[in-house]
Every structure is written in structure tokens, then in C-alpha cells.
Amino acid sequence: MKAVLAGLLVSLAVAACAAFDGDPPDRSCRTDNDCFRAQGERCNQDARRCYCENPAFGCVPEDAGASSVTEASP
């Protein structure tokens, strides 16, 4: 009986955490404080978007998925 009760309490705790789990933050900002400053992000005041100022700190530039490498002809 105690094992069933303990299992029920653990299940409720996990469900409560999942219920309060929010969406990931978007990249919109008003000031630098709205961005991940410790990772090198800053706020572009004109576009109101966080951007990666220095990738060496761990942030990923928005164009990181785009490839600028062109293949040479044989």
C-alpha cells in the first residue's frame, strides 16, 4: 500500500512539473537584458531581436545553418 501511494505521489509531482513547463524563450527583446548576455547575445534595437555578438562565448549566430561554402568545379 505504501509503495502504491509513493508511486502516486511521484506521478503527481512529474505531472505538475510538466503542466508548468513553459515554451522556450523567443529571440525578441527591448534591451540587452532580455537576451542571453552571458553567452554573447545583445539586442538589436531596430529589429528588436537578440543577435550573437561573439560566438566565442557560446551563442549561435542566426545564419549558422546557412552554408557559405561553394563547391569548386572539377
Protein backbone atom coordinates (compact mmCIF):
# COMPACT_ATOMS: atom_id res chain seq x y z
CA MET A 1 0.00 0.00 0.00
CA LYS A 2 2.86 2.40 0.83
CA ALA A 3 4.56 1.65 -2.49
CA VAL A 4 1.37 2.47 -4.41
CA LEU A 5 0.96 5.72 -2.50
CA ALA A 6 4.61 6.67 -3.11
CA GLY A 7 4.23 5.90 -6.83
CA LEU A 8 1.10 8.03 -7.00
CA LEU A 9 2.85 10.97 -5.33
CA VAL A 10 5.81 10.72 -7.71
CA SER A 11 3.46 10.60 -10.69
CA LEU A 12 1.62 13.69 -9.48
CA ALA A 13 4.89 15.56 -8.98
CA VAL A 14 6.05 14.75 -12.51
CA ALA A 15 2.68 15.78 -13.95
CA ALA A 16 2.78 19.08 -12.04
CA CYS A 17 6.22 19.88 -13.45
CA ALA A 18 5.04 19.14 -16.97
CA ALA A 19 1.97 21.33 -16.51
CA PHE A 20 4.06 24.37 -15.59
CA ASP A 21 6.71 23.84 -18.25
CA GLY A 22 6.63 26.92 -20.50
CA ASP A 23 7.59 27.47 -24.09
CA PRO A 24 11.23 28.23 -24.85
CA PRO A 25 12.05 31.94 -24.88
CA ASP A 26 11.83 33.71 -28.20
CA ARG A 27 14.57 35.96 -29.54
CA SER A 28 12.58 39.21 -29.24
CA CYS A 29 13.97 41.91 -26.94
CA ARG A 30 13.71 45.52 -25.84
CA THR A 31 17.11 45.80 -24.10
CA ASP A 32 20.28 43.73 -23.82
CA ASN A 33 18.93 42.37 -20.52
CA ASP A 34 16.26 40.42 -22.45
CA CYS A 35 18.95 38.39 -24.23
CA PHE A 36 21.42 35.74 -23.03
CA ARG A 37 24.20 38.25 -22.30
CA ALA A 38 26.50 35.69 -20.66
CA GLN A 39 26.50 33.77 -23.94
CA GLY A 40 27.38 36.83 -26.01
CA GLU A 41 23.92 37.90 -27.19
CA ARG A 42 22.89 41.54 -27.50
CA CYS A 43 19.66 43.26 -28.52
CA ASN A 44 19.34 44.86 -31.95
CA GLN A 45 17.21 47.89 -31.01
CA ASP A 46 15.97 48.44 -34.57
CA ALA A 47 14.86 44.87 -35.25
CA ARG A 48 14.01 44.13 -31.58
CA ARG A 49 15.79 40.76 -31.90
CA CYS A 50 18.64 39.19 -29.95
CA TYR A 51 21.72 38.55 -32.03
CA CYS A 52 25.01 36.79 -31.42
CA GLU A 53 27.72 39.37 -30.85
CA ASN A 54 30.58 36.97 -30.16
CA PRO A 55 30.21 33.23 -30.95
CA ALA A 56 33.29 32.51 -28.80
CA PHE A 57 31.07 32.89 -25.71
CA GLY A 58 28.76 30.08 -26.82
CA CYS A 59 25.93 31.79 -28.69
CA VAL A 60 24.96 30.63 -32.15
CA PRO A 61 24.59 33.21 -34.94
CA GLU A 62 21.24 33.15 -36.75
CA ASP A 63 22.93 32.33 -40.07
CA ALA A 64 24.79 29.34 -38.59
CA GLY A 65 22.66 26.89 -40.59
CA ALA A 66 23.39 28.64 -43.87
CA SER A 67 26.40 27.36 -45.72
CA SER A 68 28.61 29.87 -47.49
CA VAL A 69 30.88 27.20 -48.94
CA THR A 70 30.70 26.77 -52.68
CA GLU A 71 31.95 23.70 -54.46
CA ALA A 72 34.72 24.07 -56.99
CA SER A 73 34.19 22.74 -60.50
CA PRO A 74 36.36 19.71 -61.38
